[in-house]
Amino acid sequence: MHDAVSSERAGTPALGVMTSRFVSAAELMSNVLGAPGYKFAVIDHPVSSASDTELANKAKKVVELIDELILRS
């Protein structure tokens, strides 16, 4: 979240991607950084133990979420 908000402030478009386990932490961090309501994509947790197929499915889902956030927000 810090990297995404900092990049945006520096003029570089960015979007955070969090796992479902860290949504509340990401929301808190965006508030602390002075960007309340900063939108980010959320994928299912965990990632580290996911199989290749599960990772591919997560990647497809996050692309759809990013498309939604960038083009329709």
PDB file of N, CA and C in Angstrom:
ATOM      1  N   MET A   1       0.820  -1.170   0.000  1.00  0.00           N
ATOM      2  CA  MET A   1       0.000   0.000   0.000  1.00  0.00           C
ATOM      3  C   MET A   1       0.871   1.243   0.000  1.00  0.00           C
ATOM      4  N   HIS A   2       1.904   1.226   0.809  1.00  0.00           N
ATOM      5  CA  HIS A   2       2.807   2.375   0.884  1.00  0.00           C
ATOM      6  C   HIS A   2       3.405   2.665  -0.486  1.00  0.00           C
ATOM      7  N   ASP A   3       3.869   1.625  -1.177  1.00  0.00           N
ATOM      8  CA  ASP A   3       4.477   1.827  -2.493  1.00  0.00           C
ATOM      9  C   ASP A   3       3.474   2.391  -3.491  1.00  0.00           C
ATOM     10  N   ALA A   4       2.257   1.876  -3.487  1.00  0.00           N
ATOM     11  CA  ALA A   4       1.248   2.345  -4.433  1.00  0.00           C
ATOM     12  C   ALA A   4       0.898   3.806  -4.185  1.00  0.00           C
ATOM     13  N   VAL A   5       0.650   4.167  -2.940  1.00  0.00           N
ATOM     14  CA  VAL A   5       0.298   5.552  -2.612  1.00  0.00           C
ATOM     15  C   VAL A   5       1.473   6.481  -2.909  1.00  0.00           C
ATOM     16  N   SER A   6       2.681   6.065  -2.546  1.00  0.00           N
ATOM     17  CA  SER A   6       3.865   6.894  -2.812  1.00  0.00           C
ATOM     18  C   SER A   6       4.088   7.086  -4.306  1.00  0.00           C
ATOM     19  N   SER A   7       3.906   6.040  -5.084  1.00  0.00           N
ATOM     20  CA  SER A   7       4.052   6.144  -6.540  1.00  0.00           C
ATOM     21  C   SER A   7       3.033   7.105  -7.125  1.00  0.00           C
ATOM     22  N   GLU A   8       1.794   6.991  -6.673  1.00  0.00           N
ATOM     23  CA  GLU A   8       0.743   7.895  -7.147  1.00  0.00           C
ATOM     24  C   GLU A   8       1.098   9.347  -6.837  1.00  0.00           C
ATOM     25  N   ARG A   9       1.588   9.586  -5.645  1.00  0.00           N
ATOM     26  CA  ARG A   9       1.963  10.951  -5.255  1.00  0.00           C
ATOM     27  C   ARG A   9       3.118  11.482  -6.095  1.00  0.00           C
ATOM     28  N   ALA A  10       3.983  10.588  -6.560  1.00  0.00           N
ATOM     29  CA  ALA A  10       5.120  10.986  -7.390  1.00  0.00           C
ATOM     30  C   ALA A  10       4.728  11.125  -8.858  1.00  0.00           C
ATOM     31  N   GLY A  11       3.452  10.860  -9.162  1.00  0.00           N
ATOM     32  CA  GLY A  11       2.966  11.024 -10.524  1.00  0.00           C
ATOM     33  C   GLY A  11       2.981   9.764 -11.366  1.00  0.00           C
ATOM     34  N   THR A  12       3.279   8.635 -10.752  1.00  0.00           N
ATOM     35  CA  THR A  12       3.277   7.368 -11.476  1.00  0.00           C
ATOM     36  C   THR A  12       2.021   6.593 -11.107  1.00  0.00           C
ATOM     37  N   PRO A  13       1.169   6.299 -12.088  1.00  0.00           N
ATOM     38  CA  PRO A  13      -0.038   5.532 -11.779  1.00  0.00           C
ATOM     39  C   PRO A  13       0.330   4.183 -11.148  1.00  0.00           C
ATOM     40  N   ALA A  14      -0.403   3.807 -10.133  1.00  0.00           N
ATOM     41  CA  ALA A  14      -0.133   2.550  -9.431  1.00  0.00           C
ATOM     42  C   ALA A  14      -1.430   2.002  -8.869  1.00  0.00           C
ATOM     43  N   LEU A  15      -1.392   0.733  -8.525  1.00  0.00           N
ATOM     44  CA  LEU A  15      -2.546   0.107  -7.911  1.00  0.00           C
ATOM     45  C   LEU A  15      -2.057  -0.983  -6.975  1.00  0.00           C
ATOM     46  N   GLY A  16      -2.539  -0.989  -5.763  1.00  0.00           N
ATOM     47  CA  GLY A  16      -2.152  -2.014  -4.801  1.00  0.00           C
ATOM     48  C   GLY A  16      -2.933  -3.294  -5.015  1.00  0.00           C
ATOM     49  N   VAL A  17      -2.283  -4.403  -4.736  1.00  0.00           N
ATOM     50  CA  VAL A  17      -2.927  -5.713  -4.775  1.00  0.00           C
ATOM     51  C   VAL A  17      -2.650  -6.372  -3.430  1.00  0.00           C
ATOM     52  N   MET A  18      -3.707  -6.718  -2.720  1.00  0.00           N
ATOM     53  CA  MET A  18      -3.595  -7.319  -1.393  1.00  0.00           C
ATOM     54  C   MET A  18      -4.306  -8.662  -1.378  1.00  0.00           C
ATOM     55  N   THR A  19      -3.876  -9.526  -0.476  1.00  0.00           N
ATOM     56  CA  THR A  19      -4.649 -10.743  -0.267  1.00  0.00           C
ATOM     57  C   THR A  19      -5.737 -10.445   0.761  1.00  0.00           C
ATOM     58  N   SER A  20      -6.748 -11.268   0.764  1.00  0.00           N
ATOM     59  CA  SER A  20      -7.905 -11.043   1.635  1.00  0.00           C
ATOM     60  C   SER A  20      -7.509 -10.950   3.112  1.00  0.00           C
ATOM     61  N   ARG A  21      -6.448 -11.584   3.489  1.00  0.00           N
ATOM     62  CA  ARG A  21      -5.995 -11.552   4.890  1.00  0.00           C
ATOM     63  C   ARG A  21      -5.499 -10.171   5.310  1.00  0.00           C
ATOM     64  N   PHE A  22      -5.067  -9.352   4.360  1.00  0.00           N
ATOM     65  CA  PHE A  22      -4.446  -8.072   4.686  1.00  0.00           C
ATOM     66  C   PHE A  22      -5.283  -6.851   4.300  1.00  0.00           C
ATOM     67  N   VAL A  23      -6.557  -7.044   4.040  1.00  0.00           N
ATOM     68  CA  VAL A  23      -7.420  -5.924   3.657  1.00  0.00           C
ATOM     69  C   VAL A  23      -7.478  -4.861   4.749  1.00  0.00           C
ATOM     70  N   SER A  24      -7.700  -5.275   5.979  1.00  0.00           N
ATOM     71  CA  SER A  24      -7.810  -4.274   7.050  1.00  0.00           C
ATOM     72  C   SER A  24      -6.490  -3.529   7.240  1.00  0.00           C
ATOM     73  N   ALA A  25      -5.371  -4.220   7.109  1.00  0.00           N
ATOM     74  CA  ALA A  25      -4.065  -3.556   7.222  1.00  0.00           C
ATOM     75  C   ALA A  25      -3.859  -2.571   6.076  1.00  0.00           C
ATOM     76  N   ALA A  26      -4.277  -2.934   4.875  1.00  0.00           N
ATOM     77  CA  ALA A  26      -4.142  -2.040   3.723  1.00  0.00           C
ATOM     78  C   ALA A  26      -5.017  -0.803   3.895  1.00  0.00           C
ATOM     79  N   GLU A  27      -6.226  -0.990   4.392  1.00  0.00           N
ATOM     80  CA  GLU A  27      -7.113   0.156   4.636  1.00  0.00           C
ATOM     81  C   GLU A  27      -6.529   1.074   5.700  1.00  0.00           C
ATOM     82  N   LEU A  28      -6.003   0.493   6.761  1.00  0.00           N
ATOM     83  CA  LEU A  28      -5.375   1.284   7.816  1.00  0.00           C
ATOM     84  C   LEU A  28      -4.175   2.057   7.269  1.00  0.00           C
ATOM     85  N   MET A  29      -3.342   1.392   6.479  1.00  0.00           N
ATOM     86  CA  MET A  29      -2.162   2.044   5.923  1.00  0.00           C
ATOM     87  C   MET A  29      -2.551   3.185   4.991  1.00  0.00           C
ATOM     88  N   SER A  30      -3.576   2.992   4.179  1.00  0.00           N
ATOM     89  CA  SER A  30      -3.991   4.081   3.289  1.00  0.00           C
ATOM     90  C   SER A  30      -4.475   5.279   4.099  1.00  0.00           C
ATOM     91  N   ASN A  31      -5.144   5.024   5.213  1.00  0.00           N
ATOM     92  CA  ASN A  31      -5.564   6.126   6.091  1.00  0.00           C
ATOM     93  C   ASN A  31      -4.361   6.836   6.696  1.00  0.00           C
ATOM     94  N   VAL A  32      -3.404   6.057   7.193  1.00  0.00           N
ATOM     95  CA  VAL A  32      -2.198   6.629   7.803  1.00  0.00           C
ATOM     96  C   VAL A  32      -1.431   7.471   6.782  1.00  0.00           C
ATOM     97  N   LEU A  33      -1.428   7.039   5.535  1.00  0.00           N
ATOM     98  CA  LEU A  33      -0.707   7.750   4.478  1.00  0.00           C
ATOM     99  C   LEU A  33      -1.483   8.949   3.939  1.00  0.00           C
ATOM    100  N   GLY A  34      -2.656   9.199   4.503  1.00  0.00           N
ATOM    101  CA  GLY A  34      -3.449  10.339   4.064  1.00  0.00           C
ATOM    102  C   GLY A  34      -4.212  10.101   2.781  1.00  0.00           C
ATOM    103  N   ALA A  35      -4.482   8.831   2.479  1.00  0.00           N
ATOM    104  CA  ALA A  35      -5.226   8.483   1.274  1.00  0.00           C
ATOM    105  C   ALA A  35      -6.408   7.583   1.640  1.00  0.00           C
ATOM    106  N   PRO A  36      -7.311   8.075   2.513  1.00  0.00           N
ATOM    107  CA  PRO A  36      -8.446   7.234   2.907  1.00  0.00           C
ATOM    108  C   PRO A  36      -9.301   6.877   1.696  1.00  0.00           C
ATOM    109  N   GLY A  37      -9.771   5.650   1.675  1.00  0.00           N
ATOM    110  CA  GLY A  37     -10.600   5.209   0.565  1.00  0.00           C
ATOM    111  C   GLY A  37      -9.819   4.810  -0.668  1.00  0.00           C
ATOM    112  N   TYR A  38      -8.482   4.759  -0.571  1.00  0.00           N
ATOM    113  CA  TYR A  38      -7.657   4.343  -1.713  1.00  0.00           C
ATOM    114  C   TYR A  38      -8.086   2.941  -2.124  1.00  0.00           C
ATOM    115  N   LYS A  39      -8.435   2.780  -3.378  1.00  0.00           N
ATOM    116  CA  LYS A  39      -8.942   1.491  -3.852  1.00  0.00           C
ATOM    117  C   LYS A  39      -7.793   0.585  -4.260  1.00  0.00           C
ATOM    118  N   PHE A  40      -7.965  -0.704  -3.992  1.00  0.00           N
ATOM    119  CA  PHE A  40      -6.954  -1.691  -4.347  1.00  0.00           C
ATOM    120  C   PHE A  40      -7.641  -3.003  -4.679  1.00  0.00           C
ATOM    121  N   ALA A  41      -6.939  -3.844  -5.417  1.00  0.00           N
ATOM    122  CA  ALA A  41      -7.469  -5.149  -5.790  1.00  0.00           C
ATOM    123  C   ALA A  41      -7.210  -6.140  -4.660  1.00  0.00           C
ATOM    124  N   VAL A  42      -8.153  -7.053  -4.463  1.00  0.00           N
ATOM    125  CA  VAL A  42      -8.029  -8.064  -3.409  1.00  0.00           C
ATOM    126  C   VAL A  42      -8.133  -9.451  -4.040  1.00  0.00           C
ATOM    127  N   ILE A  43      -7.145 -10.281  -3.726  1.00  0.00           N
ATOM    128  CA  ILE A  43      -7.177 -11.674  -4.167  1.00  0.00           C
ATOM    129  C   ILE A  43      -7.228 -12.571  -2.936  1.00  0.00           C
ATOM    130  N   ASP A  44      -7.630 -13.820  -3.150  1.00  0.00           N
ATOM    131  CA  ASP A  44      -7.740 -14.774  -2.042  1.00  0.00           C
ATOM    132  C   ASP A  44      -6.379 -15.075  -1.429  1.00  0.00           C
ATOM    133  N   HIS A  45      -6.398 -15.274  -0.131  1.00  0.00           N
ATOM    134  CA  HIS A  45      -5.217 -15.656   0.630  1.00  0.00           C
ATOM    135  C   HIS A  45      -5.288 -17.160   0.842  1.00  0.00           C
ATOM    136  N   PRO A  46      -4.206 -17.893   0.837  1.00  0.00           N
ATOM    137  CA  PRO A  46      -2.816 -17.474   0.712  1.00  0.00           C
ATOM    138  C   PRO A  46      -2.329 -17.526  -0.728  1.00  0.00           C
ATOM    139  N   VAL A  47      -1.161 -16.966  -0.940  1.00  0.00           N
ATOM    140  CA  VAL A  47      -0.520 -17.003  -2.252  1.00  0.00           C
ATOM    141  C   VAL A  47       0.678 -17.949  -2.223  1.00  0.00           C
ATOM    142  N   SER A  48       1.437 -17.924  -1.154  1.00  0.00           N
ATOM    143  CA  SER A  48       2.701 -18.676  -1.102  1.00  0.00           C
ATOM    144  C   SER A  48       2.536 -20.187  -1.233  1.00  0.00           C
ATOM    145  N   SER A  49       1.418 -20.717  -0.795  1.00  0.00           N
ATOM    146  CA  SER A  49       1.216 -22.167  -0.875  1.00  0.00           C
ATOM    147  C   SER A  49       0.298 -22.575  -2.025  1.00  0.00           C
ATOM    148  N   ALA A  50      -0.055 -21.633  -2.875  1.00  0.00           N
ATOM    149  CA  ALA A  50      -0.960 -21.927  -3.989  1.00  0.00           C
ATOM    150  C   ALA A  50      -0.233 -22.716  -5.080  1.00  0.00           C
ATOM    151  N   SER A  51      -0.976 -23.588  -5.731  1.00  0.00           N
ATOM    152  CA  SER A  51      -0.421 -24.350  -6.853  1.00  0.00           C
ATOM    153  C   SER A  51      -0.305 -23.438  -8.074  1.00  0.00           C
ATOM    154  N   ASP A  52       0.364 -23.917  -9.100  1.00  0.00           N
ATOM    155  CA  ASP A  52       0.491 -23.129 -10.327  1.00  0.00           C
ATOM    156  C   ASP A  52      -0.880 -22.790 -10.911  1.00  0.00           C
ATOM    157  N   THR A  53      -1.786 -23.754 -10.875  1.00  0.00           N
ATOM    158  CA  THR A  53      -3.136 -23.520 -11.392  1.00  0.00           C
ATOM    159  C   THR A  53      -3.862 -22.474 -10.562  1.00  0.00           C
ATOM    160  N   GLU A  54      -3.741 -22.573  -9.252  1.00  0.00           N
ATOM    161  CA  GLU A  54      -4.371 -21.586  -8.372  1.00  0.00           C
ATOM    162  C   GLU A  54      -3.782 -20.193  -8.599  1.00  0.00           C
ATOM    163  N   LEU A  55      -2.469 -20.122  -8.777  1.00  0.00           N
ATOM    164  CA  LEU A  55      -1.836 -18.827  -9.048  1.00  0.00           C
ATOM    165  C   LEU A  55      -2.308 -18.246 -10.372  1.00  0.00           C
ATOM    166  N   ALA A  56      -2.439 -19.097 -11.381  1.00  0.00           N
ATOM    167  CA  ALA A  56      -2.934 -18.627 -12.679  1.00  0.00           C
ATOM    168  C   ALA A  56      -4.351 -18.079 -12.540  1.00  0.00           C
ATOM    169  N   ASN A  57      -5.182 -18.754 -11.760  1.00  0.00           N
ATOM    170  CA  ASN A  57      -6.547 -18.276 -11.536  1.00  0.00           C
ATOM    171  C   ASN A  57      -6.558 -16.960 -10.771  1.00  0.00           C
ATOM    172  N   LYS A  58      -5.683 -16.831  -9.775  1.00  0.00           N
ATOM    173  CA  LYS A  58      -5.584 -15.576  -9.020  1.00  0.00           C
ATOM    174  C   LYS A  58      -5.134 -14.446  -9.947  1.00  0.00           C
ATOM    175  N   ALA A  59      -4.184 -14.741 -10.827  1.00  0.00           N
ATOM    176  CA  ALA A  59      -3.687 -13.729 -11.761  1.00  0.00           C
ATOM    177  C   ALA A  59      -4.798 -13.265 -12.702  1.00  0.00           C
ATOM    178  N   LYS A  60      -5.583 -14.187 -13.210  1.00  0.00           N
ATOM    179  CA  LYS A  60      -6.702 -13.815 -14.087  1.00  0.00           C
ATOM    180  C   LYS A  60      -7.703 -12.941 -13.338  1.00  0.00           C
ATOM    181  N   LYS A  61      -7.987 -13.317 -12.110  1.00  0.00           N
ATOM    182  CA  LYS A  61      -8.942 -12.552 -11.312  1.00  0.00           C
ATOM    183  C   LYS A  61      -8.423 -11.151 -11.041  1.00  0.00           C
ATOM    184  N   VAL A  62      -7.142 -11.034 -10.695  1.00  0.00           N
ATOM    185  CA  VAL A  62      -6.609  -9.710 -10.363  1.00  0.00           C
ATOM    186  C   VAL A  62      -6.563  -8.813 -11.596  1.00  0.00           C
ATOM    187  N   VAL A  63      -6.332  -9.369 -12.766  1.00  0.00           N
ATOM    188  CA  VAL A  63      -6.368  -8.560 -13.988  1.00  0.00           C
ATOM    189  C   VAL A  63      -7.771  -7.995 -14.187  1.00  0.00           C
ATOM    190  N   GLU A  64      -8.781  -8.799 -13.950  1.00  0.00           N
ATOM    191  CA  GLU A  64     -10.161  -8.322 -14.058  1.00  0.00           C
ATOM    192  C   GLU A  64     -10.447  -7.234 -13.022  1.00  0.00           C
ATOM    193  N   LEU A  65      -9.960  -7.421 -11.803  1.00  0.00           N
ATOM    194  CA  LEU A  65     -10.172  -6.423 -10.750  1.00  0.00           C
ATOM    195  C   LEU A  65      -9.467  -5.110 -11.080  1.00  0.00           C
ATOM    196  N   ILE A  66      -8.247  -5.207 -11.577  1.00  0.00           N
ATOM    197  CA  ILE A  66      -7.497  -4.005 -11.945  1.00  0.00           C
ATOM    198  C   ILE A  66      -8.202  -3.281 -13.080  1.00  0.00           C
ATOM    199  N   ASP A  67      -8.667  -4.035 -14.058  1.00  0.00           N
ATOM    200  CA  ASP A  67      -9.424  -3.441 -15.163  1.00  0.00           C
ATOM    201  C   ASP A  67     -10.631  -2.680 -14.623  1.00  0.00           C
ATOM    202  N   GLU A  68     -11.328  -3.286 -13.692  1.00  0.00           N
ATOM    203  CA  GLU A  68     -12.504  -2.646 -13.090  1.00  0.00           C
ATOM    204  C   GLU A  68     -12.117  -1.368 -12.343  1.00  0.00           C
ATOM    205  N   LEU A  69     -11.051  -1.429 -11.573  1.00  0.00           N
ATOM    206  CA  LEU A  69     -10.629  -0.262 -10.788  1.00  0.00           C
ATOM    207  C   LEU A  69     -10.118   0.875 -11.668  1.00  0.00           C
ATOM    208  N   ILE A  70      -9.361   0.547 -12.687  1.00  0.00           N
ATOM    209  CA  ILE A  70      -8.770   1.586 -13.532  1.00  0.00           C
ATOM    210  C   ILE A  70      -9.785   2.179 -14.501  1.00  0.00           C
ATOM    211  N   LEU A  71     -10.550   1.338 -15.128  1.00  0.00           N
ATOM    212  CA  LEU A  71     -11.426   1.810 -16.200  1.00  0.00           C
ATOM    213  C   LEU A  71     -12.819   2.206 -15.749  1.00  0.00           C
ATOM    214  N   ARG A  72     -13.254   1.729 -14.597  1.00  0.00           N
ATOM    215  CA  ARG A  72     -14.643   1.967 -14.221  1.00  0.00           C
ATOM    216  C   ARG A  72     -14.813   2.696 -12.890  1.00  0.00           C
ATOM    217  N   SER A  73     -13.730   3.074 -12.257  1.00  0.00           N
ATOM    218  CA  SER A  73     -13.843   3.784 -10.973  1.00  0.00           C
ATOM    219  C   SER A  73     -13.864   5.277 -11.169  1.00  0.00           C
TER     220      SER A  73
END
